[in-house]
Protein backbone atom coordinates (compact mmCIF):
# COMPACT_ATOMS: atom_id res chain seq x y z
CA MET A 1 -36.11 9.33 44.00
CA LYS A 2 -36.32 5.92 42.45
CA VAL A 3 -34.43 5.15 39.35
CA SER A 4 -37.61 4.63 37.35
CA GLU A 5 -38.91 8.03 38.37
CA LEU A 6 -35.58 9.69 37.54
CA LEU A 7 -35.61 8.21 34.10
CA GLU A 8 -39.23 9.11 33.58
CA SER A 9 -38.35 12.74 34.35
CA ARG A 10 -35.65 12.51 31.62
CA ARG A 11 -38.19 11.82 28.80
CA PRO A 12 -38.30 15.39 27.63
CA ASN A 13 -34.56 15.26 27.01
CA TRP A 14 -35.01 12.02 25.04
CA ARG A 15 -37.67 13.58 22.88
CA GLU A 16 -35.46 16.66 22.32
CA LEU A 17 -32.58 14.32 21.38
CA GLU A 18 -34.85 12.40 18.97
CA ARG A 19 -35.93 15.71 17.40
CA LEU A 20 -32.27 16.78 16.88
CA CYS A 21 -31.50 13.37 15.42
CA SER A 22 -34.23 13.94 12.82
CA LEU A 23 -32.87 17.40 12.16
CA MET A 24 -29.34 16.22 11.58
CA GLU A 25 -30.50 13.30 9.38
CA SER A 26 -32.33 15.66 7.09
CA ARG A 27 -29.64 18.36 6.80
CA SER A 28 -25.95 18.60 6.22
CA ARG A 29 -23.93 19.10 9.33
CA ARG A 30 -22.59 22.36 7.97
CA ALA A 31 -26.11 23.81 7.96
CA ILE A 32 -26.49 23.30 11.79
CA ASP A 33 -25.22 26.00 14.08
CA ALA A 34 -22.61 25.36 16.82
CA PRO A 35 -24.99 25.71 19.86
CA THR A 36 -27.30 23.08 18.43
CA VAL A 37 -24.35 20.62 17.99
CA VAL A 38 -23.18 21.33 21.59
CA ARG A 39 -26.66 20.70 22.87
CA PHE A 40 -26.88 17.46 20.81
CA SER A 41 -23.66 16.25 22.25
CA ALA A 42 -24.76 16.93 25.86
CA LEU A 43 -28.07 15.14 25.26
CA TYR A 44 -26.22 12.21 23.72
CA ARG A 45 -23.99 11.77 26.73
CA ALA A 46 -26.98 12.04 29.08
CA ALA A 47 -28.84 9.47 27.10
CA CYS A 48 -25.90 7.10 27.34
CA ALA A 49 -25.88 7.50 31.13
CA ASP A 50 -29.72 6.89 31.17
CA LEU A 51 -29.26 3.74 29.16
CA ALA A 52 -26.63 2.51 31.55
CA LEU A 53 -28.95 3.06 34.51
CA ALA A 54 -31.95 1.50 32.77
CA ASP A 55 -29.91 -1.59 31.83
CA SER A 56 -28.36 -1.94 35.30
CA TYR A 57 -31.56 -1.71 37.23
CA GLN A 58 -33.43 -3.98 34.80
CA LEU A 59 -36.22 -1.54 33.93
CA PRO A 60 -38.89 -2.50 31.44
CA LEU A 61 -37.51 -3.89 28.21
CA GLY A 62 -39.46 -1.33 26.18
CA THR A 63 -37.61 1.52 27.87
CA VAL A 64 -34.28 -0.18 27.49
CA HIS A 65 -34.92 -1.01 23.85
CA TYR A 66 -36.04 2.57 23.10
CA LEU A 67 -32.88 4.04 24.75
CA HIS A 68 -30.72 1.55 22.76
CA GLN A 69 -32.21 2.73 19.49
CA LEU A 70 -32.01 6.41 20.57
CA VAL A 71 -28.40 6.18 21.57
CA GLY A 72 -27.42 4.24 18.47
CA ARG A 73 -29.18 6.75 16.22
CA ALA A 74 -27.47 9.70 17.93
CA HIS A 75 -24.15 7.96 17.81
CA ASN A 76 -24.43 7.52 14.08
CA GLN A 77 -25.03 11.23 13.65
CA LEU A 78 -22.31 12.38 16.04
CA TYR A 79 -19.70 10.05 14.57
CA ARG A 80 -20.72 10.00 10.90
CA SER A 81 -18.12 8.80 8.47
CA ARG A 82 -16.72 11.37 6.15
CA ALA A 83 -18.30 11.59 2.74
CA PHE A 84 -16.11 10.72 -0.24
CA ASN A 85 -14.41 13.92 -1.35
CA ILE A 86 -12.72 13.71 -4.78
CA SER A 87 -10.62 16.86 -4.23
CA THR A 88 -9.28 15.57 -0.89
CA TRP A 89 -8.33 12.15 -2.39
CA ALA A 90 -6.93 13.79 -5.39
CA ARG A 91 -4.68 15.93 -3.17
CA GLN A 92 -3.54 12.98 -1.18
CA LEU A 93 -2.70 10.86 -4.19
CA LEU A 94 -1.23 13.54 -6.43
CA VAL A 95 0.37 15.88 -3.91
CA GLU A 96 0.84 14.50 -0.46
CA VAL A 97 1.94 10.96 -1.27
CA PRO A 98 4.45 11.83 -4.08
CA ARG A 99 6.11 14.46 -1.88
CA ARG A 100 6.46 12.01 0.97
CA LEU A 101 8.02 9.45 -1.34
CA PHE A 102 10.28 12.03 -2.94
CA SER A 103 11.65 13.13 0.46
CA ASP A 104 11.92 9.62 1.95
CA ASN A 105 15.64 9.01 2.61
CA CYS A 106 15.03 5.25 2.93
CA LEU A 107 13.59 5.21 -0.53
CA ARG A 108 16.56 7.01 -1.89
CA LEU A 109 18.95 4.59 -0.14
CA ALA A 110 17.05 1.52 -1.42
CA PHE A 111 16.96 2.97 -4.96
CA CYS A 112 20.71 3.63 -5.04
CA ILE A 113 21.66 0.31 -3.58
CA PHE A 114 19.28 -1.75 -5.70
CA TRP A 115 20.11 -0.14 -9.02
CA GLY A 116 23.77 0.20 -8.24
CA VAL A 117 24.13 -3.45 -7.41
CA PHE A 118 21.86 -4.51 -10.29
CA LEU A 119 23.81 -2.66 -12.92
CA LEU A 120 27.14 -3.75 -11.51
CA ALA A 121 26.06 -7.45 -11.43
CA ALA A 122 24.62 -7.17 -14.97
CA ALA A 123 27.89 -5.75 -16.27
CA MET A 124 29.97 -8.44 -14.51
CA ALA A 125 27.74 -11.22 -15.66
CA CYS A 126 27.86 -9.95 -19.26
CA THR A 127 31.64 -9.79 -19.36
CA ASN A 128 32.49 -12.64 -17.06
CA PRO A 129 30.54 -15.90 -17.30
CA GLY A 130 32.22 -17.24 -14.20
CA PHE A 131 30.64 -14.38 -12.19
CA ALA A 132 27.11 -15.26 -13.44
CA GLU A 133 27.69 -18.98 -12.57
CA GLY A 134 28.70 -18.02 -9.03
CA ILE A 135 25.51 -16.01 -8.52
CA ILE A 136 22.82 -18.09 -10.25
CA ASN A 137 24.38 -21.56 -10.51
CA LYS A 138 24.38 -23.93 -13.49
CA ASN A 139 20.88 -25.41 -12.81
CA MET A 140 19.21 -22.06 -12.93
CA MET A 141 21.16 -21.15 -16.09
CA ALA A 142 19.92 -24.31 -17.79
CA GLN A 143 16.32 -23.58 -16.65
CA LEU A 144 16.54 -20.01 -18.04
CA GLU A 145 17.89 -21.22 -21.42
CA GLU A 146 15.15 -23.86 -21.59
CA MET A 147 12.38 -21.55 -20.55
CA TYR A 148 13.20 -18.99 -23.19
CA ALA A 149 14.27 -21.44 -25.96
CA GLU A 150 11.14 -20.68 -27.98
CA PRO A 151 9.83 -17.23 -29.19
CA MET A 152 6.80 -15.73 -27.50
CA ALA A 153 3.69 -17.24 -29.08
CA GLY A 154 0.98 -15.94 -26.65
CA ARG A 155 -1.42 -17.84 -24.46
CA ASN A 156 -5.20 -17.92 -24.11
CA ALA A 157 -7.07 -15.61 -21.77
CA ASN A 158 -7.84 -18.32 -19.17
CA ILE A 159 -4.17 -19.27 -18.81
CA GLY A 160 -3.30 -15.56 -18.81
CA GLY A 161 -5.64 -14.91 -15.89
CA PHE A 162 -4.21 -17.83 -13.96
CA MET A 163 -0.62 -16.71 -14.54
CA THR A 164 -1.50 -13.19 -13.56
CA GLY A 165 -2.48 -14.52 -10.14
CA PHE A 166 0.66 -16.58 -9.94
CA TYR A 167 2.95 -13.60 -10.86
CA GLN A 168 1.08 -11.42 -8.38
CA SER A 169 1.67 -13.97 -5.62
CA HIS A 170 5.32 -14.67 -6.62
CA ASN A 171 6.34 -11.04 -7.03
CA THR A 172 4.56 -9.90 -3.94
CA THR A 173 6.39 -12.60 -1.94
CA ILE A 174 9.68 -11.09 -3.08
CA GLY A 175 8.47 -7.65 -2.04
CA LEU A 176 7.21 -8.87 1.33
CA ARG A 177 10.59 -10.61 2.00
CA CYS A 178 12.35 -7.28 1.36
CA PHE A 179 9.82 -5.55 3.58
CA ALA A 180 9.90 -8.16 6.41
CA PHE A 181 13.68 -8.40 6.53
CA GLY A 182 13.89 -4.74 6.95
CA LEU A 183 12.44 -5.11 10.40
CA LEU A 184 15.78 -6.59 11.51
CA PHE A 185 16.98 -3.09 12.38
CA GLY A 186 17.22 -2.24 8.72
CA VAL A 187 20.27 -4.52 8.18
CA GLY A 188 18.10 -7.44 6.99
CA GLY A 189 16.44 -5.21 4.44
CA LEU A 190 19.77 -4.06 3.14
CA PHE A 191 21.00 -7.64 2.75
CA GLU A 192 17.80 -8.74 0.99
CA THR A 193 17.93 -5.75 -1.29
CA VAL A 194 21.50 -6.44 -2.27
CA PHE A 195 20.75 -10.17 -2.75
CA ASN A 196 17.78 -9.58 -5.01
CA ALA A 197 19.57 -6.87 -7.01
CA ALA A 198 22.65 -9.12 -7.55
CA LEU A 199 20.56 -12.09 -8.57
CA LEU A 200 18.32 -10.17 -11.01
CA GLY A 201 21.26 -8.25 -12.37
CA ALA A 202 23.26 -11.48 -12.96
CA VAL A 203 20.24 -13.02 -14.75
CA PHE A 204 19.84 -10.02 -17.04
CA GLY A 205 23.55 -9.88 -17.75
CA TYR A 206 23.88 -13.58 -18.36
CA MET A 207 20.95 -13.71 -20.79
CA THR A 208 22.66 -11.09 -23.01
CA THR A 209 25.33 -13.73 -23.68
CA VAL A 210 23.16 -16.63 -24.85
CA PRO A 211 21.04 -17.09 -28.03
CA GLN A 212 17.88 -17.23 -25.91
CA GLY A 213 18.49 -13.58 -24.81
CA ASP A 214 16.19 -12.10 -27.44
CA ASN A 215 13.27 -14.19 -26.20
CA PHE A 216 14.08 -13.30 -22.60
CA PHE A 217 14.09 -9.54 -23.19
CA HIS A 218 10.94 -9.96 -25.38
CA PHE A 219 9.27 -11.27 -22.25
CA VAL A 220 10.64 -9.09 -19.42
CA THR A 221 10.70 -5.67 -21.10
CA ALA A 222 7.10 -4.58 -20.77
CA HIS A 223 6.58 -5.33 -17.09
CA GLY A 224 10.21 -4.84 -15.88
CA PRO A 225 10.03 -1.12 -14.85
CA LEU A 226 6.94 -1.57 -12.64
CA GLU A 227 8.11 -4.90 -11.08
CA LEU A 228 11.63 -3.79 -10.25
CA THR A 229 10.43 -0.43 -8.82
CA ALA A 230 7.95 -2.25 -6.64
CA VAL A 231 10.80 -4.26 -5.20
CA VAL A 232 12.67 -1.08 -4.36
CA LEU A 233 9.67 0.43 -2.71
CA SER A 234 9.10 -2.67 -0.54
CA ALA A 235 12.70 -2.69 0.60
CA ALA A 236 12.45 1.02 1.46
CA ALA A 237 9.31 0.51 3.53
CA GLY A 238 10.99 -2.33 5.47
CA MET A 239 14.08 -0.20 6.08
CA ARG A 240 11.93 2.64 7.35
CA LEU A 241 10.56 0.32 10.03
CA GLY A 242 13.86 -1.26 10.89
CA PHE A 243 15.79 2.04 11.18
CA SER A 244 13.04 3.41 13.48
CA LEU A 245 14.13 0.69 16.05
CA VAL A 246 17.62 2.16 15.97
CA ASP A 247 16.96 5.79 15.80
CA THR A 248 13.82 6.24 17.96
CA ARG A 249 14.15 10.03 18.19
CA GLY A 250 13.55 9.98 21.90
CA LEU A 251 10.50 7.67 21.78
CA THR A 252 10.20 4.10 23.00
CA ARG A 253 10.89 1.55 20.33
CA ALA A 254 7.22 0.55 20.23
CA ALA A 255 6.12 4.12 19.74
CA SER A 256 8.90 4.80 17.18
CA LEU A 257 7.71 1.71 15.27
CA ARG A 258 4.16 2.86 15.26
CA ARG A 259 5.19 6.28 13.95
CA ALA A 260 7.33 4.72 11.22
CA SER A 261 4.56 2.37 10.19
CA GLY A 262 2.41 5.42 9.27
CA GLU A 263 5.30 6.94 7.37
CA ALA A 264 5.93 3.63 5.48
CA MET A 265 2.27 3.08 4.48
CA PRO A 266 2.39 5.32 1.28
CA THR A 267 5.52 3.49 0.14
CA MET A 268 4.09 0.06 0.66
CA GLY A 269 0.79 1.10 -0.87
CA ALA A 270 2.52 2.29 -4.00
CA ALA A 271 4.50 -1.01 -4.20
CA MET A 272 1.20 -3.02 -3.99
CA VAL A 273 -0.29 -1.09 -6.86
CA MET A 274 2.78 -1.58 -9.00
CA PHE A 275 3.01 -5.31 -8.28
CA LEU A 276 -0.62 -5.60 -9.46
CA LEU A 277 0.00 -3.68 -12.63
CA ALA A 278 3.21 -5.59 -13.37
CA ALA A 279 1.33 -8.93 -12.89
CA LEU A 280 -1.38 -7.93 -15.35
CA ILE A 281 1.24 -6.95 -17.93
CA GLU A 282 3.27 -10.05 -17.28
CA GLY A 283 0.18 -12.27 -17.49
CA PHE A 284 -1.19 -10.99 -20.76
CA LEU A 285 1.12 -8.68 -22.74
CA SER A 286 4.62 -10.02 -21.93
CA PRO A 287 4.07 -13.56 -23.24
CA SER A 288 2.03 -12.45 -26.23
CA ALA A 289 3.24 -12.51 -29.78
CA ALA A 290 2.90 -8.71 -29.96
CA PRO A 291 5.85 -6.95 -31.70
CA TYR A 292 8.72 -6.06 -29.48
CA TRP A 293 8.27 -2.36 -30.12
CA ILE A 294 4.82 -2.42 -28.50
CA LYS A 295 6.29 -3.90 -25.35
CA ALA A 296 9.15 -1.43 -25.45
CA VAL A 297 6.63 1.44 -25.72
CA VAL A 298 4.82 0.09 -22.68
CA ALA A 299 8.05 -0.05 -20.73
CA VAL A 300 8.97 3.53 -21.75
CA VAL A 301 5.50 4.82 -20.86
CA SER A 302 5.60 3.01 -17.47
CA ALA A 303 9.02 4.39 -16.67
CA GLY A 304 7.87 7.83 -17.71
CA MET A 305 4.76 7.66 -15.53
CA LEU A 306 6.89 6.52 -12.57
CA THR A 307 9.29 9.41 -13.14
CA PHE A 308 6.44 11.89 -13.40
CA TYR A 309 4.80 10.61 -10.23
CA PHE A 310 7.85 10.30 -8.00
CA VAL A 311 9.96 13.20 -9.34
CA ILE A 312 7.78 15.78 -11.09
CA LEU A 313 4.83 15.53 -8.66
CA GLY A 314 7.02 14.77 -5.67
CA TYR A 315 9.42 17.63 -6.10
CA PRO A 316 8.83 20.14 -3.23
CA ARG A 317 7.36 23.50 -4.21
CA GLY A 318 7.37 25.45 -1.00
CA ARG A 319 4.48 25.41 1.34
């Protein structure tokens, strides 16, 4: 039998597939019984084979074009994207992700290292000026004193928008460095985390010893909780990838890295959201002339929301 005759004999199947496409387009997939779906799948595969034959043997363009449209139409029904489901997304964001983050040992390690080194460096810089000078050098000290010599007077909306973009880029760069260095078998991430914690802690500690300290804390209080937590999350995500190259759990290093990348995505996604929120606050509220108590309230609310999300929602509650 010639190919053209074989394909001509297949036309009833094409018409049946076309009818099933119309049926699936007009109804929800849940309203269609299983035998119909099985039949639809078989007809779809057969139409794909017919299209390959028609294309290979250069049959009339009308036939080839018809099969292209039919196969594409059936493909769109068989592999339809999932509809947006609020309950599914809500469960992912409010149940699954917080619990993953709460049980992430890399996040716990990054949190303890960062805040431990940060508080220690702040205490040392506050009580020992020589320690601060060894960490942040004299030039940076002079720049900090000059930068915060004047009280916060606010800025117009255009400059605020520009600075928001700048802060987003700058802060995200710090987070990406912590994340990327973590790929060095986790050791690079640990080093970068300790370095940033010591530097930031020394800055905070030193600014408590100079007259410009009030202006400094007037600026950093509102966005501080979100920004510093985002740095910790970035470091934790990088460590997760780096440690997967050391402890592969019986997989190849490539497979272990792929698995760890999926586990690190919620952590890095949360960090990106926090960097964005911190940049918005830093661009508009932090430099404003708003009373300090308003900025303190924003900081407390931010810290409370972070605690609620990571601890209250993340705490395991059985199956």
